Amino acid sequence: MKKRLWMSLGMVVMLGQTHASTSGIEYNIANGLSPIAKDQSISVLQPFYGNFRILGSKMYQDDEQAKFSPIDYAVSWGLFAKPEIARKISVNQYDRYLNWKIDKLPVPANQAMQMVSNMHIIPANPEIAQQIKQVKRGDLVQLKGELVEIRDKDLVWRSSLTPTDTGDGACELFRVNSIQWIEKQKI
């Protein structure tokens, strides 16, 4: 009995330490605070904003990038933000990647690829850090902020700067200063 109790207490302590680690100074950026950990920096590459339909979101806590971006958004815009099209898009988000499909493309494939994206979201302040977790599939949100580059020791994580690229490195690394819900809709 004592052995089980100690093992259980040990697990609780380990879990508590894991959870507490996301609030350390190395997680300042993910919590909407300025970087103060040694070797961490965030550089603005260019302003970025738009109206985006949320196709999905995925929280991260345990990967190296979670220190900066606690959530990824799968989004669509333009024609693909229309509810009648967005509801037909299925998404799978994993390991900071996005796979999506739609049974019948309403436009050529190369054009369709430019209207769906995986965005790594970085909160600009603690209030935004809470708001970014409240999005739901179907929400149409206006996001404003900057595309950025993150540095941390040997890591250099740089945003894509063009909507026409695809594949590895094509995601936006987006520090969000403002999020406004335009409409909430189930798709």
Protein backbone atom coordinates (compact mmCIF):
# COMPACT_ATOMS: atom_id res chain seq x y z
CA MET A 1 0.00 0.00 0.00
CA LYS A 2 2.77 2.45 0.93
CA LYS A 3 4.62 1.64 -2.27
CA ARG A 4 1.50 2.35 -4.38
CA LEU A 5 0.86 5.58 -2.50
CA TRP A 6 4.42 6.78 -3.09
CA MET A 7 4.21 5.83 -6.77
CA SER A 8 0.91 7.72 -7.07
CA LEU A 9 2.32 10.75 -5.29
CA GLY A 10 5.39 10.59 -7.52
CA MET A 11 3.19 10.61 -10.62
CA VAL A 12 1.20 13.57 -9.29
CA VAL A 13 4.43 15.48 -8.62
CA MET A 14 5.78 14.65 -12.09
CA LEU A 15 2.52 15.68 -13.75
CA GLY A 16 2.45 18.87 -11.71
CA GLN A 17 5.99 19.68 -12.81
CA THR A 18 5.12 19.03 -16.44
CA HIS A 19 2.12 21.34 -16.23
CA ALA A 20 4.06 23.97 -14.28
CA SER A 21 6.82 23.99 -16.89
CA THR A 22 4.48 25.66 -19.42
CA SER A 23 4.37 28.68 -17.13
CA GLY A 24 8.17 29.11 -16.88
CA ILE A 25 10.00 32.04 -18.47
CA GLU A 26 10.83 29.94 -21.54
CA TYR A 27 7.05 29.91 -22.19
CA ASN A 28 6.64 33.71 -21.93
CA ILE A 29 5.97 34.09 -25.66
CA ALA A 30 3.27 31.37 -25.69
CA ASN A 31 1.61 33.15 -22.76
CA GLY A 32 1.56 36.52 -24.55
CA LEU A 33 4.54 37.98 -22.70
CA SER A 34 7.88 39.37 -23.89
CA PRO A 35 10.75 36.91 -24.25
CA ILE A 36 13.17 37.06 -21.33
CA ALA A 37 14.69 33.59 -21.52
CA LYS A 38 18.30 33.60 -22.68
CA ASP A 39 18.70 33.16 -26.46
CA GLN A 40 14.97 33.70 -27.22
CA SER A 41 13.86 36.42 -29.60
CA ILE A 42 10.93 37.29 -31.82
CA SER A 43 11.36 39.48 -34.92
CA VAL A 44 8.59 41.05 -36.98
CA LEU A 45 8.82 40.24 -40.70
CA GLN A 46 5.70 42.03 -41.95
CA PRO A 47 2.19 43.08 -40.88
CA PHE A 48 -0.53 40.50 -41.55
CA TYR A 49 -4.31 40.48 -41.20
CA GLY A 50 -7.41 38.99 -42.71
CA ASN A 51 -10.77 37.33 -42.25
CA PHE A 52 -10.39 33.58 -41.82
CA ARG A 53 -12.85 30.71 -41.50
CA ILE A 54 -11.71 28.29 -38.80
CA LEU A 55 -11.64 24.75 -40.19
CA GLY A 56 -9.96 23.33 -37.10
CA SER A 57 -7.57 24.08 -34.25
CA LYS A 58 -5.00 22.00 -32.42
CA MET A 59 -3.42 22.77 -29.04
CA TYR A 60 0.25 21.95 -28.39
CA GLN A 61 2.06 21.73 -25.05
CA ASP A 62 4.87 19.24 -25.49
CA ASP A 63 6.72 20.05 -28.71
CA GLU A 64 9.63 22.48 -28.94
CA GLN A 65 7.47 25.11 -30.64
CA ALA A 66 4.86 25.08 -27.83
CA LYS A 67 7.08 27.57 -26.00
CA PHE A 68 6.00 30.08 -28.63
CA SER A 69 2.81 28.88 -30.29
CA PRO A 70 0.31 27.04 -28.09
CA ILE A 71 -2.21 26.50 -30.91
CA ASP A 72 -2.41 26.00 -34.66
CA TYR A 73 -5.38 27.08 -36.75
CA ALA A 74 -6.46 25.37 -39.97
CA VAL A 75 -8.08 28.24 -41.87
CA SER A 76 -9.63 29.12 -45.19
CA TRP A 77 -10.25 32.50 -46.78
CA GLY A 78 -11.69 34.00 -49.92
CA LEU A 79 -14.09 31.67 -51.72
CA PHE A 80 -13.21 28.82 -49.33
CA ALA A 81 -14.39 30.88 -46.34
CA LYS A 82 -17.97 30.71 -47.59
CA PRO A 83 -19.88 28.36 -45.26
CA GLU A 84 -21.26 26.25 -48.11
CA ILE A 85 -17.69 25.43 -49.23
CA ALA A 86 -15.93 25.45 -45.84
CA ARG A 87 -18.30 22.81 -44.43
CA LYS A 88 -17.16 20.40 -47.17
CA ILE A 89 -13.48 20.70 -46.19
CA SER A 90 -12.23 18.07 -43.77
CA VAL A 91 -8.95 18.64 -41.94
CA ASN A 92 -6.40 16.59 -40.04
CA GLN A 93 -3.88 18.51 -37.91
CA TYR A 94 -0.88 16.71 -36.40
CA ASP A 95 2.73 17.52 -35.46
CA ARG A 96 2.28 21.11 -36.71
CA TYR A 97 1.13 19.87 -40.13
CA LEU A 98 -2.22 20.14 -41.88
CA ASN A 99 -3.82 17.73 -44.31
CA TRP A 100 -7.12 18.76 -45.82
CA LYS A 101 -9.47 17.46 -48.47
CA ILE A 102 -12.66 18.35 -50.24
CA ASP A 103 -14.52 15.92 -52.48
CA LYS A 104 -15.07 18.31 -55.38
CA LEU A 105 -12.86 21.36 -55.89
CA PRO A 106 -14.81 24.45 -57.02
CA VAL A 107 -11.60 25.93 -58.50
CA PRO A 108 -8.36 24.51 -59.97
CA ALA A 109 -6.17 22.69 -57.41
CA ASN A 110 -3.33 25.24 -57.50
CA GLN A 111 -5.81 28.02 -56.68
CA ALA A 112 -7.49 25.93 -53.95
CA MET A 113 -4.12 25.34 -52.25
CA GLN A 114 -3.80 29.11 -51.85
CA MET A 115 -7.07 29.42 -49.88
CA VAL A 116 -6.34 26.95 -47.06
CA SER A 117 -3.49 27.25 -44.60
CA ASN A 118 -2.06 26.04 -41.31
CA MET A 119 -1.25 29.00 -39.05
CA HIS A 120 0.97 28.70 -35.98
CA ILE A 121 -0.61 31.25 -33.62
CA ILE A 122 1.47 33.29 -31.17
CA PRO A 123 -0.46 35.50 -28.73
CA ALA A 124 0.74 39.12 -28.51
CA ASN A 125 -0.53 39.56 -24.94
CA PRO A 126 -2.11 37.53 -22.11
CA GLU A 127 -5.67 38.51 -23.11
CA ILE A 128 -5.11 37.22 -26.66
CA ALA A 129 -3.51 34.08 -25.15
CA GLN A 130 -6.92 33.28 -23.65
CA GLN A 131 -9.01 34.38 -26.64
CA ILE A 132 -7.15 32.28 -29.22
CA LYS A 133 -8.24 29.11 -27.41
CA GLN A 134 -11.94 29.97 -27.81
CA VAL A 135 -12.25 29.51 -31.59
CA LYS A 136 -14.49 26.75 -32.91
CA ARG A 137 -14.80 25.12 -36.30
CA GLY A 138 -16.99 27.36 -38.44
CA ASP A 139 -16.11 30.65 -36.74
CA LEU A 140 -15.24 33.50 -39.09
CA VAL A 141 -12.63 35.62 -37.32
CA GLN A 142 -10.69 38.73 -38.18
CA LEU A 143 -7.06 38.34 -37.11
CA LYS A 144 -4.55 41.19 -37.05
CA GLY A 145 -0.87 41.07 -36.19
CA GLU A 146 2.49 40.25 -37.73
CA LEU A 147 4.28 37.40 -39.41
CA VAL A 148 7.38 36.71 -37.34
CA GLU A 149 10.59 34.79 -36.92
CA ILE A 150 11.40 33.05 -33.63
CA ARG A 151 14.90 32.21 -32.43
CA ASP A 152 15.71 30.00 -29.46
CA LYS A 153 19.21 28.54 -29.09
CA ASP A 154 19.58 26.39 -32.25
CA LEU A 155 15.98 26.86 -33.41
CA VAL A 156 15.10 29.33 -36.15
CA TRP A 157 11.36 29.23 -36.93
CA ARG A 158 10.43 31.60 -39.75
CA SER A 159 7.02 32.41 -41.17
CA SER A 160 6.12 31.99 -44.79
CA LEU A 161 5.57 35.39 -46.38
CA THR A 162 3.54 34.31 -49.39
CA PRO A 163 0.16 32.58 -49.73
CA THR A 164 1.25 30.70 -52.87
CA ASP A 165 3.74 28.30 -51.27
CA THR A 166 2.88 24.78 -50.14
CA GLY A 167 4.50 22.01 -48.12
CA ASP A 168 7.07 22.20 -45.33
CA GLY A 169 7.77 25.80 -44.31
CA ALA A 170 4.65 27.16 -46.01
CA CYS A 171 2.79 27.94 -42.77
CA GLU A 172 2.31 31.37 -41.31
CA LEU A 173 3.97 32.02 -37.95
CA PHE A 174 1.43 34.62 -36.88
CA ARG A 175 1.68 36.79 -33.76
CA VAL A 176 -1.92 37.86 -33.20
CA ASN A 177 -2.57 41.32 -31.69
CA SER A 178 -6.33 41.29 -32.26
CA ILE A 179 -9.02 38.66 -32.75
CA GLN A 180 -12.63 39.58 -33.49
CA TRP A 181 -15.46 37.19 -34.21
CA ILE A 182 -17.34 38.20 -37.35
CA GLU A 183 -19.72 35.26 -37.13
CA LYS A 184 -20.07 32.01 -35.25
CA GLN A 185 -21.42 29.24 -37.38
CA LYS A 186 -21.40 25.47 -37.19
CA ILE A 187 -20.09 23.94 -40.38
